[in-house]
Amino acid sequence: MKRTSNYDRFPATPVPGHIWRGWDDILECLRRQRPDTNPHIIVVECYQGIFYQELSQAFRSLADLWIDTEELFHSEDRIEALTRPFITYDRIFGHRILLKYQDYFDEGKVLAARQRIAAGSGIIVVFGHGASFVQPQWGTLVYADMARWEIQQRFRKNLIHGIGIHNESEPPASHYKRGYFVDWVLCDYVKRQLMPEVDFWLDTNIPGDPKMIEAATLEHGLDLVVSGPFRVVPFFDPAPWGGQWMKEVCNLDREVSNYGWCFDCVPEENSLALTIGSIRFEMPANNLVFARSHQLLGGPVEARFGQDFPIRFDFLDTIGGGNLSLQVHPTTQYIRDTFGLHYTQDESYYILDATPGATVYLGVREGIDPEEMLEALRTAQQTGGNFEATRFVNQWPAKKHDHFLIPAGTIHCSGAGTMVLEISATPNIFTFKLWDWNRLGLDGLPRPINIEHGSHVIQWDRNSTYVRQHLVNAVQPLETRDTWRSERTGLHENEFIETRRYFFRETLELDTCGGVQVLNLVEGEEALIESPSQAFPPYVVHYAETFIIPASVGAYTIKVVTPSAQGECGIIQAYVRVNP
């Protein structure tokens, strides 16, 4: 099972242009922006998660007049009252906020600040969350950006707080929930409006090492990214059930006890990297979705999903680990009625690798009593006793290249000994855990269980017969040529994602057909993606790497460079069904 790793953990797109690095360099650049007119107003809008003290100290040194938006907010108690209906008291689930920044600000304080600005001279700096609301006209607009993975690392160290709320000491899960349902929704709404107007973009992901590029450099970088294949920056995380496979294949730290998750195509969570010269500039991958949604997604997909990237690829590693939690995802109607989302997390497990005896739990067993199963789950949860999973849930053998389809409402989990490429839709927080094998989370606390939510969405007719006929290796051969063959592997007819698998020995000719595609090299060591019209430079991908082909690419080829021992390469390809 071990192999030499050539997995690229730090993909980036080279972009020509200038980059300013370090506060001295950045501040000197901004000082030079001052025109002959007086005053010159610099607005610094910020994403949640920045190190507020570091940035405010730096930008304050520029200012003849300094306005900090945190000082203009309502009281913390009032903001807590405003946001609590969206945060809720549930440990995991809330509702996406319907408020805007103007709801956070004290009108009297904002009016006074605007009067000070109107009477000011020299360099006036308006800094912080909602700065562009406080001062909607400016001479220079700077956006201080943050990738969500770095934000989550800061949550875990209790280093940052929510917008208008000093909650540094809360558990990381509480921080994440506030970010997901409130703070990031606010920030993304403002960012989408401001993107055409930003003059400078600031990468604040590494404390004390800020980097800044001009808007023109960012725009050119986004154009380059969306014109050909690209990868977002993957991130890896331990899990209570985590395994050891990714350490070898993805060349990870051997000292870490395990790695359970890898997110390698979740643009709302992953970052996107550009290199300017030898310097790496990192930003949320969602910036590309916001700014180039039509070129990236294609017209039909954009019309359906707007500026949401609808396809998610991630890894779940239980080789040398344990079972995932037994779980179910909400149906579309339930997620809409309960949480206000328009689509749910239909998914599938593609088995990249497996040890002998590996299994996947999927669907309920024939003839079980639903109430008896739910009562057994509740009893196990309340007493700390055992839940006899195999009495109620099917356990299917799993081997390399199997594909298990998991439409919403189907009870499921990966068993120990599997390396899963999870292909799914993207509302990733909405998983109802039903049973977690009597174990604790990495924080030493019981993981949240959601039996009551789950009881409303389990599809009891997804039984042994149904699963065997429709959800386990529902592979349909499509076409066979001398050097390649193609198959339809899913997903289920209820799901909007379609998957194709190709095995090839030379060159494979494909086309986006006007819609975004996400692929993973599931067999072979290395392949080369090329444009028949030289529309983008040749792009190398390695085993287990996920890559995105924007809709605007059109025709492309994938050529074998280093095949597997069987002399071929294999890819799994996912795209959104757009035709009835």
Protein backbone atom coordinates (compact mmCIF):
# COMPACT_ATOMS: atom_id res chain seq x y z
CA MET A 1 0.00 0.00 0.00
CA LYS A 2 2.96 2.35 0.44
CA ARG A 3 4.17 4.37 -2.54
CA THR A 4 6.62 7.15 -3.29
CA SER A 5 4.79 10.42 -2.72
CA ASN A 6 4.67 13.06 -5.44
CA TYR A 7 1.48 14.68 -4.15
CA ASP A 8 1.78 18.49 -4.36
CA ARG A 9 0.54 19.99 -1.09
CA PHE A 10 1.22 23.59 -2.13
CA PRO A 11 -0.20 24.19 -5.62
CA ALA A 12 -0.03 27.77 -6.92
CA THR A 13 -0.43 29.72 -10.15
CA PRO A 14 2.51 31.95 -11.24
CA VAL A 15 1.37 35.51 -11.98
CA PRO A 16 3.43 38.47 -13.24
CA GLY A 17 3.22 41.64 -11.20
CA HIS A 18 4.56 43.31 -8.09
CA ILE A 19 4.03 42.24 -4.49
CA TRP A 20 4.72 44.24 -1.35
CA ARG A 21 5.85 42.22 1.65
CA GLY A 22 6.14 43.32 5.27
CA TRP A 23 4.53 46.30 6.97
CA ASP A 24 7.26 48.80 6.10
CA ASP A 25 6.98 48.00 2.39
CA ILE A 26 3.17 47.95 2.43
CA LEU A 27 2.72 51.18 4.37
CA GLU A 28 5.23 53.04 2.22
CA CYS A 29 3.29 51.96 -0.87
CA LEU A 30 0.04 53.26 0.64
CA ARG A 31 1.65 56.56 1.63
CA ARG A 32 2.64 57.06 -1.99
CA GLN A 33 -0.99 56.68 -3.06
CA ARG A 34 -1.80 60.08 -1.57
CA PRO A 35 -2.88 62.47 -4.35
CA ASP A 36 -2.53 66.25 -4.28
CA THR A 37 -6.10 66.53 -2.99
CA ASN A 38 -6.58 66.75 0.74
CA PRO A 39 -7.70 64.71 2.63
CA HIS A 40 -6.85 61.25 1.31
CA ILE A 41 -9.16 58.59 2.75
CA ILE A 42 -7.91 55.02 3.05
CA VAL A 43 -10.61 52.49 3.85
CA VAL A 44 -9.40 49.10 5.12
CA GLU A 45 -12.19 46.52 5.01
CA CYS A 46 -11.42 43.30 6.91
CA TYR A 47 -12.48 39.67 6.82
CA GLN A 48 -13.25 38.01 10.13
CA GLY A 49 -10.26 36.32 11.72
CA ILE A 50 -7.54 38.91 11.12
CA PHE A 51 -5.22 39.68 14.00
CA TYR A 52 -6.95 42.95 14.80
CA GLN A 53 -4.24 44.38 17.03
CA GLU A 54 -1.44 43.73 14.53
CA LEU A 55 -3.30 45.30 11.63
CA SER A 56 -4.73 48.25 13.54
CA GLN A 57 -1.31 49.10 14.96
CA ALA A 58 0.21 49.04 11.48
CA PHE A 59 -2.47 51.08 9.74
CA ARG A 60 -2.80 53.55 12.61
CA SER A 61 0.79 54.64 11.94
CA LEU A 62 -0.37 55.96 8.55
CA ALA A 63 -3.15 58.09 9.90
CA ASP A 64 -3.52 61.74 10.65
CA LEU A 65 -7.09 60.81 11.58
CA TRP A 66 -7.90 57.28 12.73
CA ILE A 67 -11.36 55.68 12.77
CA ASP A 68 -11.69 52.16 14.20
CA THR A 69 -15.05 50.61 13.34
CA GLU A 70 -15.08 48.41 16.47
CA GLU A 71 -15.59 51.60 18.47
CA LEU A 72 -18.75 52.37 16.47
CA PHE A 73 -20.59 49.09 17.05
CA HIS A 74 -23.59 48.63 19.26
CA SER A 75 -22.84 47.15 22.67
CA GLU A 76 -21.74 43.55 22.78
CA ASP A 77 -24.95 42.61 24.58
CA ARG A 78 -27.05 44.10 21.78
CA ILE A 79 -25.04 42.35 19.06
CA GLU A 80 -25.37 39.09 20.95
CA ALA A 81 -29.14 39.60 21.10
CA LEU A 82 -29.27 40.44 17.38
CA THR A 83 -27.29 37.38 16.33
CA ARG A 84 -28.58 34.78 18.81
CA PRO A 85 -31.64 33.79 16.70
CA PHE A 86 -29.20 32.83 13.92
CA ILE A 87 -26.59 31.24 16.20
CA THR A 88 -29.26 29.33 18.20
CA TYR A 89 -28.43 27.23 21.26
CA ASP A 90 -27.79 24.06 19.26
CA ARG A 91 -24.16 22.89 19.45
CA ILE A 92 -23.82 22.67 15.66
CA PHE A 93 -26.73 24.05 13.67
CA GLY A 94 -27.97 27.57 13.17
CA HIS A 95 -29.45 29.74 10.42
CA ARG A 96 -27.60 31.94 7.95
CA ILE A 97 -27.86 35.52 9.10
CA LEU A 98 -30.25 37.92 7.39
CA LEU A 99 -28.69 41.05 8.90
CA LYS A 100 -26.22 43.44 7.26
CA TYR A 101 -23.37 45.49 8.71
CA GLN A 102 -25.59 48.54 9.19
CA ASP A 103 -27.50 46.54 11.83
CA TYR A 104 -24.29 46.27 13.89
CA PHE A 105 -23.52 49.99 14.09
CA ASP A 106 -24.74 52.65 16.48
CA GLU A 107 -26.22 55.34 14.22
CA GLY A 108 -25.11 58.19 16.48
CA LYS A 109 -21.52 56.95 16.62
CA VAL A 110 -21.39 56.49 12.85
CA LEU A 111 -22.78 59.99 12.27
CA ALA A 112 -20.17 61.47 14.61
CA ALA A 113 -17.38 59.54 12.85
CA ARG A 114 -18.55 60.77 9.46
CA GLN A 115 -18.55 64.34 10.73
CA ARG A 116 -14.96 63.93 11.95
CA ILE A 117 -13.98 62.52 8.55
CA ALA A 118 -15.64 65.42 6.72
CA ALA A 119 -13.69 67.90 8.84
CA GLY A 120 -10.40 65.97 8.70
CA SER A 121 -7.25 66.50 6.68
CA GLY A 122 -4.15 64.59 5.69
CA ILE A 123 -4.41 60.80 5.58
CA ILE A 124 -7.64 59.52 7.10
CA VAL A 125 -7.76 55.78 7.79
CA VAL A 126 -11.09 54.04 8.39
CA PHE A 127 -10.26 50.54 9.54
CA GLY A 128 -12.13 47.38 10.49
CA HIS A 129 -15.23 45.30 9.86
CA GLY A 130 -17.79 47.37 7.99
CA ALA A 131 -15.33 50.18 7.22
CA SER A 132 -16.81 50.56 3.74
CA PHE A 133 -20.25 51.11 5.30
CA VAL A 134 -18.96 53.75 7.69
CA GLN A 135 -17.13 55.56 4.87
CA PRO A 136 -18.62 54.63 1.47
CA GLN A 137 -16.30 57.02 -0.47
CA TRP A 138 -12.54 56.65 -0.43
CA GLY A 139 -9.33 57.45 -2.20
CA THR A 140 -7.81 54.00 -1.63
CA LEU A 141 -9.62 50.78 -0.70
CA VAL A 142 -7.61 47.95 0.90
CA TYR A 143 -9.15 44.55 1.60
CA ALA A 144 -7.48 42.56 4.39
CA ASP A 145 -8.35 38.96 3.50
CA MET A 146 -8.17 35.65 5.34
CA ALA A 147 -8.43 31.97 4.37
CA ARG A 148 -10.91 30.01 6.46
CA TRP A 149 -8.49 27.21 7.29
CA GLU A 150 -6.17 29.72 8.98
CA ILE A 151 -9.16 31.25 10.75
CA GLN A 152 -9.98 27.81 12.14
CA GLN A 153 -6.42 27.37 13.42
CA ARG A 154 -6.81 30.66 15.27
CA PHE A 155 -10.14 29.50 16.69
CA ARG A 156 -8.43 26.45 18.14
CA LYS A 157 -5.86 28.62 19.90
CA ASN A 158 -8.49 31.09 21.18
CA LEU A 159 -6.67 33.94 19.45
CA ILE A 160 -9.54 35.76 17.73
CA HIS A 161 -13.11 36.80 18.34
CA GLY A 162 -16.30 37.21 16.37
CA ILE A 163 -17.47 40.44 14.82
CA GLY A 164 -18.65 42.67 17.65
CA ILE A 165 -18.39 39.80 20.15
CA HIS A 166 -15.40 39.15 22.42
CA ASN A 167 -15.77 35.38 22.60
CA GLU A 168 -12.11 34.35 22.42
CA SER A 169 -12.48 31.78 25.22
CA GLU A 170 -15.34 29.85 23.58
CA PRO A 171 -14.69 26.32 22.24
CA PRO A 172 -13.54 26.13 18.60
CA ALA A 173 -16.86 24.56 17.54
CA SER A 174 -18.73 27.63 18.84
CA HIS A 175 -16.37 29.92 16.94
CA TYR A 176 -16.88 27.92 13.77
CA LYS A 177 -20.64 28.01 14.12
CA ARG A 178 -20.65 31.80 14.54
CA GLY A 179 -18.32 32.13 11.57
CA TYR A 180 -20.35 29.81 9.33
CA PHE A 181 -23.79 31.21 10.09
CA VAL A 182 -23.03 34.85 10.88
CA ASP A 183 -19.59 36.42 10.44
CA TRP A 184 -18.54 34.83 7.14
CA VAL A 185 -21.96 35.48 5.63
CA LEU A 186 -21.60 39.17 6.50
CA CYS A 187 -18.04 39.36 5.19
CA ASP A 188 -18.75 37.48 1.95
CA TYR A 189 -21.74 39.68 1.17
CA VAL A 190 -19.61 42.82 1.51
CA LYS A 191 -16.65 41.29 -0.33
CA ARG A 192 -18.78 40.44 -3.35
CA GLN A 193 -19.97 44.04 -3.56
CA LEU A 194 -16.48 45.51 -3.14
CA MET A 195 -14.41 43.24 -5.39
CA PRO A 196 -14.61 45.52 -8.48
CA GLU A 197 -13.57 48.53 -6.38
CA VAL A 198 -10.68 47.20 -4.26
CA ASP A 199 -7.32 48.85 -5.01
CA PHE A 200 -5.07 46.54 -2.96
CA TRP A 201 -5.53 43.02 -1.60
CA LEU A 202 -3.78 42.08 1.63
CA ASP A 203 -2.85 38.50 2.54
CA THR A 204 -2.85 38.31 6.36
CA ASN A 205 -2.65 34.52 6.77
CA ILE A 206 0.85 34.47 8.30
CA PRO A 207 1.13 36.64 11.43
CA GLY A 208 3.76 39.34 11.06
CA ASP A 209 4.28 38.55 7.37
CA PRO A 210 1.66 40.50 5.41
CA LYS A 211 1.74 40.58 1.61
CA MET A 212 -0.10 42.98 -0.66
CA ILE A 213 -0.85 43.04 -4.38
CA GLU A 214 -2.62 45.51 -6.62
CA ALA A 215 -6.11 44.78 -7.90
CA ALA A 216 -4.72 44.45 -11.44
CA THR A 217 -2.39 41.65 -10.32
CA LEU A 218 -5.24 39.82 -8.62
CA GLU A 219 -7.49 40.23 -11.64
CA HIS A 220 -4.82 38.90 -13.97
CA GLY A 221 -4.20 36.01 -11.59
CA LEU A 222 -7.87 35.08 -11.51
CA ASP A 223 -7.98 35.23 -15.31
CA LEU A 224 -5.01 32.85 -15.50
CA VAL A 225 -6.51 30.44 -12.97
CA VAL A 226 -9.89 30.26 -14.66
CA SER A 227 -8.38 29.74 -18.13
CA GLY A 228 -7.05 26.24 -17.39
CA PRO A 229 -6.86 23.38 -14.87
CA PHE A 230 -6.04 24.39 -11.31
CA ARG A 231 -5.99 23.07 -7.76
CA VAL A 232 -6.97 24.73 -4.53
CA VAL A 233 -4.62 24.40 -1.56
CA PRO A 234 -5.51 21.19 0.31
CA PHE A 235 -5.54 21.02 4.08
CA PHE A 236 -5.38 18.01 6.35
CA ASP A 237 -6.75 17.40 9.82
CA PRO A 238 -6.72 14.63 12.44
CA ALA A 239 -9.99 12.93 13.40
CA PRO A 240 -11.16 10.63 16.21
CA TRP A 241 -11.35 7.85 13.60
CA GLY A 242 -8.39 9.02 11.47
CA GLY A 243 -5.99 6.75 9.63
CA GLN A 244 -2.44 6.54 8.30
CA TRP A 245 -2.78 6.30 4.48
CA MET A 246 -2.54 10.02 3.75
CA LYS A 247 0.70 10.33 5.72
CA GLU A 248 2.37 8.18 3.08
CA VAL A 249 0.61 9.26 -0.09
CA CYS A 250 0.38 12.98 0.70
CA ASN A 251 3.74 13.20 2.50
CA LEU A 252 2.40 14.48 5.82
CA ASP A 253 3.97 14.84 9.24
CA ARG A 254 4.63 11.33 10.55
CA GLU A 255 4.62 12.60 14.14
CA VAL A 256 0.92 13.49 14.04
CA SER A 257 -1.16 10.64 15.45
CA ASN A 258 -3.46 10.40 12.43
CA TYR A 259 -5.07 12.29 9.57
CA GLY A 260 -8.75 11.69 9.00
CA TRP A 261 -9.75 14.51 6.68
CA CYS A 262 -8.30 16.19 3.65
CA PHE A 263 -10.30 18.99 2.06
CA ASP A 264 -8.95 19.37 -1.47
CA CYS A 265 -11.90 20.86 -3.35
CA VAL A 266 -14.12 22.87 -1.03
CA PRO A 267 -13.69 26.43 -2.32
CA GLU A 268 -15.59 27.98 0.58
CA GLU A 269 -13.05 26.37 2.95
CA ASN A 270 -9.89 26.01 0.86
CA SER A 271 -7.53 28.73 -0.25
CA LEU A 272 -6.12 29.60 -3.66
CA ALA A 273 -2.47 30.55 -4.08
CA LEU A 274 -0.69 32.78 -6.57
CA THR A 275 3.07 33.19 -6.80
CA ILE A 276 4.45 36.59 -7.74
CA GLY A 277 8.15 36.09 -8.31
CA SER A 278 9.18 33.79 -5.48
CA ILE A 279 6.56 35.06 -3.02
CA ARG A 280 3.37 33.14 -2.34
CA PHE A 281 0.10 35.09 -2.02
CA GLU A 282 -2.79 33.12 -0.51
CA MET A 283 -6.48 34.01 -0.48
CA PRO A 284 -9.84 32.26 -0.08
CA ALA A 285 -10.68 30.17 -3.15
CA ASN A 286 -14.16 31.67 -2.93
CA ASN A 287 -12.67 34.88 -4.38
CA LEU A 288 -12.45 33.09 -7.72
CA VAL A 289 -16.05 31.87 -7.43
CA PHE A 290 -17.26 35.40 -6.61
CA ALA A 291 -15.27 37.16 -9.33
CA ARG A 292 -15.31 34.61 -12.17
CA SER A 293 -18.43 32.54 -11.56
CA HIS A 294 -19.54 32.49 -15.20
CA GLN A 295 -16.19 31.40 -16.61
CA LEU A 296 -15.65 28.92 -13.78
CA LEU A 297 -19.08 27.33 -13.43
CA GLY A 298 -20.55 27.88 -16.90
CA GLY A 299 -23.85 29.54 -17.67
CA PRO A 300 -26.30 26.71 -16.81
CA VAL A 301 -24.53 25.86 -13.52
CA GLU A 302 -24.22 29.52 -12.54
CA ALA A 303 -27.92 30.04 -13.32
CA ARG A 304 -28.76 27.25 -10.89
CA PHE A 305 -26.28 27.85 -8.08
CA GLY A 306 -25.29 31.51 -8.43
CA GLN A 307 -21.92 32.14 -6.79
CA ASP A 308 -21.85 28.81 -4.95
CA PHE A 309 -19.42 26.11 -6.06
CA PRO A 310 -21.68 23.04 -6.00
CA ILE A 311 -19.20 20.11 -6.07
CA ARG A 312 -17.06 19.00 -3.16
CA PHE A 313 -14.20 16.46 -3.14
CA ASP A 314 -12.52 15.44 0.11
CA PHE A 315 -10.70 12.46 1.63
CA LEU A 316 -11.76 10.32 4.60
CA ASP A 317 -8.93 8.09 5.81
CA THR A 318 -9.76 5.16 8.10
CA ILE A 319 -6.87 2.88 7.06
CA GLY A 320 -5.29 2.11 10.41
CA GLY A 321 -8.16 4.04 12.02
CA GLY A 322 -11.78 3.40 13.00
CA ASN A 323 -15.32 3.70 11.73
CA LEU A 324 -16.74 7.11 10.91
CA SER A 325 -19.81 8.14 12.89
CA LEU A 326 -23.02 6.52 11.69
CA GLN A 327 -24.88 9.41 10.06
CA VAL A 328 -27.49 10.69 7.65
CA HIS A 329 -27.85 13.89 5.63
CA PRO A 330 -31.07 15.92 5.49
CA THR A 331 -33.41 15.68 2.54
CA THR A 332 -33.77 18.75 0.35
CA GLN A 333 -37.14 19.71 1.81
CA TYR A 334 -35.91 19.28 5.39
CA ILE A 335 -32.78 21.38 4.91
CA ARG A 336 -34.87 24.07 3.22
CA ASP A 337 -37.60 24.12 5.87
CA THR A 338 -35.30 23.81 8.87
CA PHE A 339 -32.13 25.66 7.88
CA GLY A 340 -33.08 27.78 4.86
CA LEU A 341 -30.66 26.16 2.38
CA HIS A 342 -31.68 25.39 -1.19
CA TYR A 343 -29.91 22.06 -1.64
CA THR A 344 -28.52 19.31 0.54
CA GLN A 345 -25.44 17.13 0.85
CA ASP A 346 -26.06 14.24 -1.48
CA GLU A 347 -22.79 12.35 -1.75
CA SER A 348 -20.91 9.19 -2.60
CA TYR A 349 -17.89 7.22 -1.41
CA TYR A 350 -15.33 6.39 -4.10
CA ILE A 351 -12.85 3.91 -2.63
CA LEU A 352 -9.30 5.01 -3.50
CA ASP A 353 -7.81 2.19 -1.48
CA ALA A 354 -8.82 -0.40 1.09
CA THR A 355 -7.33 -3.06 3.34
CA PRO A 356 -8.62 -6.65 3.33
CA GLY A 357 -11.91 -6.87 5.21
CA ALA A 358 -12.77 -3.18 4.78
CA THR A 359 -16.46 -2.30 4.79
CA VAL A 360 -18.94 0.52 4.25
CA TYR A 361 -22.18 0.83 6.23
CA LEU A 362 -25.03 1.82 3.90
CA GLY A 363 -28.81 1.64 4.17
CA VAL A 364 -31.02 -0.12 6.71
CA ARG A 365 -31.36 -3.87 6.86
CA GLU A 366 -34.38 -5.58 5.35
CA GLY A 367 -37.42 -5.78 7.62
CA ILE A 368 -36.20 -3.76 10.60
CA ASP A 369 -38.60 -1.80 12.77
CA PRO A 370 -37.76 1.94 12.44
CA GLU A 371 -39.06 2.77 15.92
CA GLU A 372 -37.03 -0.05 17.45
CA MET A 373 -33.88 1.24 15.76
CA LEU A 374 -34.50 4.84 16.84
CA GLU A 375 -35.20 3.73 20.41
CA ALA A 376 -31.98 1.70 20.42
CA LEU A 377 -30.05 4.77 19.23
CA ARG A 378 -31.64 6.97 21.92
CA THR A 379 -30.96 4.41 24.64
CA ALA A 380 -27.31 4.07 23.62
CA GLN A 381 -26.92 7.83 23.60
CA GLN A 382 -28.60 8.35 26.98
CA THR A 383 -26.96 5.49 28.84
CA GLY A 384 -23.59 5.30 27.15
CA GLY A 385 -24.39 1.73 26.17
CA ASN A 386 -23.78 0.01 22.87
CA PHE A 387 -25.76 0.31 19.65
CA GLU A 388 -25.77 -2.89 17.59
CA ALA A 389 -25.14 -1.21 14.26
CA THR A 390 -25.01 -4.39 12.16
CA ARG A 391 -28.39 -5.46 13.55
CA PHE A 392 -30.02 -2.48 11.85
CA VAL A 393 -27.62 -1.25 9.15
CA ASN A 394 -26.14 -3.06 6.14
CA GLN A 395 -22.38 -3.64 6.12
CA TRP A 396 -20.95 -4.02 2.60
CA PRO A 397 -17.45 -5.20 1.66
CA ALA A 398 -15.33 -2.42 0.15
CA LYS A 399 -12.37 -2.66 -2.19
CA LYS A 400 -10.31 -0.30 -4.35
CA HIS A 401 -12.38 1.48 -7.07
CA ASP A 402 -15.76 0.56 -5.57
CA HIS A 403 -18.29 3.38 -5.67
CA PHE A 404 -21.06 3.68 -3.05
CA LEU A 405 -23.85 6.19 -3.79
CA ILE A 406 -25.39 8.02 -0.83
CA PRO A 407 -28.41 10.13 -1.73
CA ALA A 408 -29.69 12.31 1.12
CA GLY A 409 -31.67 10.40 3.71
CA THR A 410 -29.54 7.23 3.39
CA ILE A 411 -27.94 6.10 6.64
CA HIS A 412 -24.23 5.48 6.11
CA CYS A 413 -20.63 5.61 7.25
CA SER A 414 -17.25 4.38 6.10
CA GLY A 415 -15.88 1.51 8.11
CA ALA A 416 -12.29 1.06 9.22
CA GLY A 417 -9.75 0.19 6.54
CA THR A 418 -11.02 2.42 3.72
CA MET A 419 -9.53 5.42 1.95
CA VAL A 420 -12.58 7.31 0.71
CA LEU A 421 -12.71 10.01 -1.93
CA GLU A 422 -15.98 11.65 -0.93
CA ILE A 423 -17.81 13.27 -3.84
CA SER A 424 -20.69 15.42 -2.72
CA ALA A 425 -22.61 18.66 -2.83
CA THR A 426 -21.21 21.42 -0.65
CA PRO A 427 -23.42 22.34 2.36
CA ASN A 428 -20.86 20.51 4.48
CA ILE A 429 -21.95 21.31 8.05
CA PHE A 430 -25.32 19.55 7.81
CA THR A 431 -24.57 16.00 8.90
CA PHE A 432 -26.81 14.32 11.47
CA LYS A 433 -24.67 11.95 13.53
CA LEU A 434 -26.69 9.06 14.94
CA TRP A 435 -24.05 6.96 16.69
CA ASP A 436 -20.34 7.47 17.31
CA TRP A 437 -19.22 4.12 18.66
CA ASN A 438 -18.95 5.36 22.28
CA ARG A 439 -15.88 7.49 21.64
CA LEU A 440 -14.89 11.06 22.43
CA GLY A 441 -13.82 13.81 20.06
CA LEU A 442 -10.23 15.04 19.89
CA ASP A 443 -11.21 17.68 22.46
CA GLY A 444 -12.03 14.94 24.96
CA LEU A 445 -15.77 15.66 24.83
CA PRO A 446 -18.59 13.56 23.39
CA ARG A 447 -19.27 14.50 19.77
CA PRO A 448 -22.71 16.00 19.05
CA ILE A 449 -25.38 13.43 18.19
CA ASN A 450 -28.52 14.45 16.29
CA ILE A 451 -30.90 11.49 16.49
CA GLU A 452 -34.03 13.64 16.47
CA HIS A 453 -33.02 15.53 13.31
CA GLY A 454 -32.00 12.22 11.77
CA SER A 455 -35.30 10.55 12.63
CA HIS A 456 -37.10 13.02 10.36
CA VAL A 457 -34.99 12.28 7.27
CA ILE A 458 -33.94 8.60 7.30
CA GLN A 459 -35.40 6.96 4.21
CA TRP A 460 -36.51 3.60 5.55
CA ASP A 461 -37.08 2.18 2.08
CA ARG A 462 -33.33 2.40 1.39
CA ASN A 463 -33.03 -1.18 2.58
CA SER A 464 -30.75 -4.07 1.65
CA THR A 465 -32.48 -4.81 -1.65
CA TYR A 466 -32.63 -1.18 -2.71
CA VAL A 467 -29.01 -0.49 -1.79
CA ARG A 468 -27.75 -3.60 -3.59
CA GLN A 469 -29.66 -2.73 -6.75
CA HIS A 470 -29.14 1.03 -6.87
CA LEU A 471 -26.33 2.25 -4.62
CA VAL A 472 -23.46 -0.27 -4.64
CA ASN A 473 -21.31 -0.18 -7.78
CA ALA A 474 -24.11 0.93 -10.07
CA VAL A 475 -21.56 1.05 -12.90
CA GLN A 476 -22.71 1.32 -16.51
CA PRO A 477 -20.10 0.77 -19.28
CA LEU A 478 -20.33 3.60 -21.81
CA GLU A 479 -17.62 3.32 -24.43
CA THR A 480 -14.55 1.20 -25.08
CA ARG A 481 -11.77 2.09 -27.53
CA ASP A 482 -8.33 0.64 -28.17
CA THR A 483 -6.61 2.80 -25.55
CA TRP A 484 -9.39 3.85 -23.18
CA ARG A 485 -12.76 2.95 -21.72
CA SER A 486 -15.43 5.01 -19.95
CA GLU A 487 -18.08 4.15 -17.39
CA ARG A 488 -20.89 5.91 -15.59
CA THR A 489 -20.48 5.26 -11.88
CA GLY A 490 -23.26 7.49 -10.50
CA LEU A 491 -24.46 9.45 -8.75
CA HIS A 492 -27.98 8.48 -7.89
CA GLU A 493 -30.82 9.80 -10.04
CA ASN A 494 -32.00 11.94 -7.12
CA GLU A 495 -28.69 13.80 -7.08
CA PHE A 496 -27.57 16.66 -9.32
CA ILE A 497 -23.96 15.45 -9.62
CA GLU A 498 -23.00 13.01 -12.37
CA THR A 499 -19.77 11.00 -12.28
CA ARG A 500 -17.76 9.32 -15.04
CA ARG A 501 -14.72 7.08 -14.71
CA TYR A 502 -12.09 6.74 -17.42
CA PHE A 503 -9.18 4.32 -17.62
CA PHE A 504 -6.71 5.14 -20.39
CA ARG A 505 -3.29 4.06 -21.67
CA GLU A 506 -2.34 6.97 -23.90
CA THR A 507 -4.31 10.22 -24.37
CA LEU A 508 -7.89 10.87 -23.36
CA GLU A 509 -9.91 13.57 -25.14
CA LEU A 510 -12.55 15.36 -23.02
CA ASP A 511 -14.66 18.51 -23.05
CA THR A 512 -16.31 20.57 -20.32
CA CYS A 513 -19.46 20.96 -22.46
CA GLY A 514 -20.02 24.34 -20.83
CA GLY A 515 -19.97 23.21 -17.19
CA VAL A 516 -17.33 23.04 -14.46
CA GLN A 517 -15.73 19.63 -13.84
CA VAL A 518 -13.88 18.27 -10.81
CA LEU A 519 -11.55 15.29 -11.27
CA ASN A 520 -9.16 13.13 -9.30
CA LEU A 521 -6.35 10.93 -10.61
CA VAL A 522 -7.40 7.65 -9.00
CA GLU A 523 -4.96 5.37 -10.85
CA GLY A 524 -1.42 5.99 -12.13
CA GLU A 525 1.34 8.21 -10.77
CA GLU A 526 1.29 11.22 -13.10
CA ALA A 527 -0.72 12.64 -16.00
CA LEU A 528 -0.52 15.75 -18.17
CA ILE A 529 -3.49 17.96 -19.01
CA GLU A 530 -3.17 19.92 -22.25
CA SER A 531 -5.23 22.21 -24.46
CA PRO A 532 -5.54 21.19 -28.14
CA SER A 533 -5.50 24.91 -28.97
CA GLN A 534 -2.72 25.79 -26.48
CA ALA A 535 -5.22 27.90 -24.54
CA PHE A 536 -3.39 27.10 -21.28
CA PRO A 537 0.09 25.77 -20.40
CA PRO A 538 0.44 21.99 -19.89
CA TYR A 539 -0.62 21.10 -16.36
CA VAL A 540 0.75 18.15 -14.37
CA VAL A 541 -1.36 16.17 -11.89
CA HIS A 542 -0.28 13.35 -9.59
CA TYR A 543 -1.94 10.38 -7.98
CA ALA A 544 -4.82 11.31 -5.60
CA GLU A 545 -4.71 15.01 -6.52
CA THR A 546 -8.05 16.68 -7.12
CA PHE A 547 -8.15 19.29 -9.87
CA ILE A 548 -10.77 21.60 -11.32
CA ILE A 549 -11.44 22.20 -15.01
CA PRO A 550 -13.33 25.51 -15.45
CA ALA A 551 -16.28 25.52 -17.84
CA SER A 552 -14.52 28.05 -20.07
CA VAL A 553 -11.74 25.56 -20.92
CA GLY A 554 -13.87 23.55 -23.37
CA ALA A 555 -11.82 20.82 -25.03
CA TYR A 556 -8.85 19.35 -23.16
CA THR A 557 -6.76 16.17 -23.13
CA ILE A 558 -5.24 14.07 -20.36
CA LYS A 559 -2.13 12.12 -21.29
CA VAL A 560 -0.49 9.29 -19.38
CA VAL A 561 2.96 10.23 -18.08
CA THR A 562 3.61 7.58 -15.42
CA PRO A 563 1.00 4.81 -15.40
CA SER A 564 0.12 2.31 -12.72
CA ALA A 565 1.63 -1.17 -12.67
CA GLN A 566 -1.23 -2.16 -14.99
CA GLY A 567 0.05 0.33 -17.56
CA GLU A 568 -2.81 2.83 -17.35
CA CYS A 569 -4.12 5.90 -15.60
CA GLY A 570 -7.62 6.40 -14.23
CA ILE A 571 -9.69 9.45 -13.38
CA ILE A 572 -13.03 10.02 -11.70
CA GLN A 573 -14.85 13.05 -13.11
CA ALA A 574 -17.79 14.89 -11.54
CA TYR A 575 -20.02 17.56 -13.02
CA VAL A 576 -23.49 19.02 -12.57
CA ARG A 577 -26.29 17.53 -14.61
CA VAL A 578 -27.80 20.41 -16.57
CA ASN A 579 -30.05 18.59 -19.05
CA PRO A 580 -33.39 17.08 -18.05
